[in-house]
Structures are given as structure tokens and as C-alpha cells.
Amino acid sequence: MKLTSILLFLTLCCSGHLWAQSKAGGNGNFIYFTMDGTEYKYDTKQVLSYTREDTAKGKEHKVISAFVRTPDGDSYVKMSIMFYMKLNEGIKPGKLDMYSILGYKKKLPCVYISLDKKNGDQYTFYGSKEGNKGSFEVTSVNGDWVEGSFSLTMPSKYGKEAALEITKGTFKFQIKK
């Protein structure tokens, strides 16, 4: 009887934990968006995050990034969101300007969004640029968690492909130190 009670208790605890994780997207990290009418949802172990500091003279800044782990297979879509800010600052709620990977130096804080597509042997790369049509907003910062929303017209990095329409973008991830 005692063993049965212990097993029942452990089963209920594990079930509750798994249910809570499933409601929160596993570890809580997610990036969701619609691209040209197709929904993409990445969560749990697919979305990773990190913080990197550059202390080189004249380049002092911090990058807080969330990205989709490169999926397996012949076809995939992968997105990265990178916050650029001064070393001593953190992410705060509010709207942020979008820049290119090299344009961040013009105004901190700002954000860069990139998207990589693979279809068989063909790779295409897209990225936000200064003056992008769209918006990016951090809606909440709670402890080391950040969440928000975005939409944009994302041009090809190399100008060969038509721009993508990204809508209904939402994200939440834990800021890793």
C-alpha cells in the first residue's frame, strides 16, 4: 500500500510538471510567426538563447540572442532575433528599431532579425534593415524572461529574392547570462 501511494504521488507530480511544460511551450522559449501565409512555431528545445559581450575598444556592446536550432532535413526555415545594447543596459519593454547586422552601431538599443531558408540544395538568407516596414516591440520583461511581438517585410540579404512578409510574430525566451 505504501509503495502504491508513493508511485501514485510521483506519477501525479510528473504529470503536473509535464502538463505545465506543455502549456508553457516546454522550457518556455518560443518563436512563432506567419510567413507568406504559412505558420511557423518553434518552442521547447528548438529555441535557444545566449548573451555575448564585446568589450573591444570602439565596439563596446552586448548581444542577447534567441534563435531556432538548425532543423534536420532537406527543407527548413530558421529565425534569429538579436538585441543589441550598451554593455551596462538590459532589455526594456517598448518599441525597438530594426537594423541590419552591421547597422546596429547607429542606435542602441535595437534589434536585428534574420531568417534562413533551405530547400534541397538551395539556401536563401533574409535580414532586417534600417527603415524596415514593420514593427518590433518588447511587451514584457519579467526577471530573466523577455517576450514581445513583431512583423516586418524582410528583404533578401543579397537582393536576389523577393522580400518576405512576416506577420503575427511573437516570442518569449529566457535571457542566458
Protein backbone atom coordinates (compact mmCIF):
# COMPACT_ATOMS: atom_id res chain seq x y z
CA MET A 1 0.00 0.00 0.00
CA LYS A 2 2.82 2.39 0.92
CA LEU A 3 4.64 1.68 -2.36
CA THR A 4 1.42 2.18 -4.35
CA SER A 5 0.83 5.55 -2.65
CA ILE A 6 4.38 6.67 -3.38
CA LEU A 7 4.11 5.61 -7.04
CA LEU A 8 0.75 7.38 -7.39
CA PHE A 9 2.19 10.54 -5.81
CA LEU A 10 5.22 10.51 -8.16
CA THR A 11 3.01 9.88 -11.20
CA LEU A 12 0.75 12.82 -10.31
CA CYS A 13 3.74 15.12 -9.72
CA CYS A 14 5.36 14.18 -13.03
CA SER A 15 2.06 14.53 -14.89
CA GLY A 16 1.51 18.00 -13.44
CA HIS A 17 5.04 19.05 -14.36
CA LEU A 18 4.69 17.76 -17.93
CA TRP A 19 1.29 19.44 -18.30
CA ALA A 20 2.72 22.76 -17.09
CA GLN A 21 5.64 22.43 -19.52
CA SER A 22 3.33 21.68 -22.44
CA LYS A 23 1.19 24.74 -21.66
CA ALA A 24 4.32 26.94 -21.50
CA GLY A 25 5.98 25.54 -24.62
CA GLY A 26 8.26 23.17 -22.71
CA ASN A 27 11.02 25.28 -21.22
CA GLY A 28 9.00 28.42 -22.00
CA ASN A 29 11.06 29.53 -25.01
CA PHE A 30 9.23 30.10 -28.29
CA ILE A 31 9.30 31.98 -31.58
CA TYR A 32 6.07 31.93 -33.61
CA PHE A 33 5.37 33.77 -36.86
CA THR A 34 3.49 33.60 -40.15
CA MET A 35 5.49 33.93 -43.35
CA ASP A 36 3.70 34.45 -46.64
CA GLY A 37 0.57 32.80 -45.20
CA THR A 38 2.28 29.77 -43.56
CA GLU A 39 2.53 29.47 -39.75
CA TYR A 40 5.85 28.52 -38.14
CA LYS A 41 6.01 27.53 -34.48
CA TYR A 42 9.25 26.77 -32.70
CA ASP A 43 9.44 26.08 -28.99
CA THR A 44 10.81 23.85 -26.25
CA LYS A 45 14.30 22.71 -27.25
CA GLN A 46 14.13 24.28 -30.72
CA VAL A 47 14.67 27.84 -29.40
CA LEU A 48 17.97 28.56 -27.69
CA SER A 49 19.34 31.82 -26.29
CA TYR A 50 22.65 33.34 -25.26
CA THR A 51 24.30 36.61 -24.24
CA ARG A 52 27.60 37.78 -25.70
CA GLU A 53 29.58 40.87 -24.72
CA ASP A 54 32.08 42.66 -26.97
CA THR A 55 34.45 44.78 -24.91
CA ALA A 56 36.87 45.73 -27.72
CA LYS A 57 37.57 49.46 -27.78
CA GLY A 58 35.09 51.25 -30.01
CA LYS A 59 32.85 48.19 -30.28
CA GLU A 60 31.50 48.02 -26.73
CA HIS A 61 28.11 46.39 -26.86
CA LYS A 62 26.12 43.38 -25.71
CA VAL A 63 24.06 40.97 -27.83
CA ILE A 64 21.20 39.00 -26.36
CA SER A 65 20.01 36.47 -28.91
CA ALA A 66 17.28 33.87 -29.35
CA PHE A 67 17.46 31.55 -32.32
CA VAL A 68 15.93 28.42 -33.78
CA ARG A 69 18.29 25.45 -33.68
CA THR A 70 19.02 24.35 -37.27
CA PRO A 71 16.45 21.67 -38.07
CA ASP A 72 17.41 18.42 -39.79
CA GLY A 73 16.29 17.64 -43.30
CA ASP A 74 16.35 18.95 -46.83
CA SER A 75 13.97 21.84 -46.13
CA TYR A 76 13.73 24.23 -43.21
CA VAL A 77 13.07 27.79 -42.08
CA LYS A 78 15.20 29.15 -39.23
CA MET A 79 14.86 32.54 -37.49
CA SER A 80 17.16 34.50 -35.17
CA ILE A 81 16.33 37.59 -33.08
CA MET A 82 19.28 39.62 -31.80
CA PHE A 83 19.04 42.51 -29.36
CA TYR A 84 21.98 44.94 -29.48
CA MET A 85 22.54 47.24 -26.48
CA LYS A 86 25.14 49.01 -24.39
CA LEU A 87 27.11 46.77 -22.03
CA ASN A 88 25.51 48.16 -18.87
CA GLU A 89 21.92 48.03 -20.17
CA GLY A 90 19.26 45.35 -20.25
CA ILE A 91 16.21 44.75 -22.40
CA LYS A 92 13.29 47.02 -21.50
CA PRO A 93 9.65 47.00 -22.64
CA GLY A 94 8.91 49.20 -25.63
CA LYS A 95 9.34 49.50 -29.38
CA LEU A 96 12.78 48.94 -30.89
CA ASP A 97 14.13 49.97 -34.28
CA MET A 98 15.23 47.19 -36.63
CA TYR A 99 18.67 47.37 -38.24
CA SER A 100 20.94 45.23 -40.37
CA ILE A 101 23.61 43.04 -38.79
CA LEU A 102 26.14 45.86 -39.28
CA GLY A 103 23.78 48.81 -38.77
CA TYR A 104 23.32 48.31 -35.02
CA LYS A 105 26.10 50.78 -34.24
CA LYS A 106 23.87 53.67 -35.36
CA LYS A 107 21.44 53.40 -32.46
CA LEU A 108 21.49 51.26 -29.36
CA PRO A 109 19.32 49.54 -28.26
CA CYS A 110 18.00 48.00 -31.46
CA VAL A 111 17.14 44.59 -32.89
CA TYR A 112 18.23 42.52 -35.89
CA ILE A 113 16.09 39.67 -37.24
CA SER A 114 17.40 37.11 -39.71
CA LEU A 115 15.76 34.20 -41.47
CA ASP A 116 17.43 31.35 -43.35
CA LYS A 117 15.57 29.04 -45.71
CA LYS A 118 16.82 25.76 -47.11
CA ASN A 119 15.06 23.85 -49.86
CA GLY A 120 17.14 20.93 -51.07
CA ASP A 121 20.49 22.36 -52.21
CA GLN A 122 19.20 25.94 -52.33
CA TYR A 123 19.77 28.32 -49.41
CA THR A 124 18.27 31.82 -49.17
CA PHE A 125 19.07 34.37 -46.49
CA TYR A 126 16.97 37.32 -45.30
CA GLY A 127 17.55 40.04 -42.71
CA SER A 128 16.04 43.19 -41.30
CA LYS A 129 17.45 46.54 -42.39
CA GLU A 130 17.28 50.13 -41.25
CA GLY A 131 13.92 51.60 -42.16
CA ASN A 132 12.23 48.19 -42.48
CA LYS A 133 8.48 48.29 -42.97
CA GLY A 134 7.05 46.74 -39.81
CA SER A 135 7.39 46.90 -36.05
CA PHE A 136 9.16 45.20 -33.17
CA GLU A 137 8.02 45.53 -29.57
CA VAL A 138 9.16 44.06 -26.27
CA THR A 139 5.90 43.68 -24.36
CA SER A 140 7.22 42.23 -21.10
CA VAL A 141 10.44 41.69 -19.19
CA ASN A 142 9.92 39.57 -16.10
CA GLY A 143 13.12 38.61 -14.28
CA ASP A 144 15.30 36.97 -16.92
CA TRP A 145 12.39 36.35 -19.33
CA VAL A 146 11.60 38.62 -22.29
CA GLU A 147 8.62 38.49 -24.63
CA GLY A 148 7.16 40.52 -27.42
CA SER A 149 5.78 40.78 -30.92
CA PHE A 150 6.97 41.70 -34.41
CA SER A 151 6.00 41.97 -38.06
CA LEU A 152 8.07 43.13 -41.00
CA THR A 153 8.81 42.99 -44.68
CA MET A 154 12.14 41.16 -44.65
CA PRO A 155 14.39 41.73 -47.67
CA SER A 156 16.83 39.21 -49.07
CA LYS A 157 20.35 39.78 -47.70
CA TYR A 158 21.78 39.59 -51.20
CA GLY A 159 18.92 41.23 -53.12
CA LYS A 160 18.19 38.26 -55.38
CA GLU A 161 14.87 37.04 -53.94
CA ALA A 162 11.60 38.86 -53.30
CA ALA A 163 11.10 40.20 -49.76
CA LEU A 164 9.17 38.05 -47.28
CA GLU A 165 6.09 39.20 -45.36
CA ILE A 166 6.44 38.20 -41.72
CA THR A 167 3.28 38.71 -39.64
CA LYS A 168 1.87 37.63 -36.27
CA GLY A 169 5.37 37.23 -34.85
CA THR A 170 5.61 36.54 -31.12
CA PHE A 171 8.49 35.40 -28.96
CA LYS A 172 9.40 34.54 -25.40
CA PHE A 173 12.76 33.36 -24.15
CA GLN A 174 14.96 33.26 -21.12
CA ILE A 175 17.94 35.61 -21.15
CA LYS A 176 21.01 33.44 -20.60
CA LYS A 177 23.95 35.10 -18.90
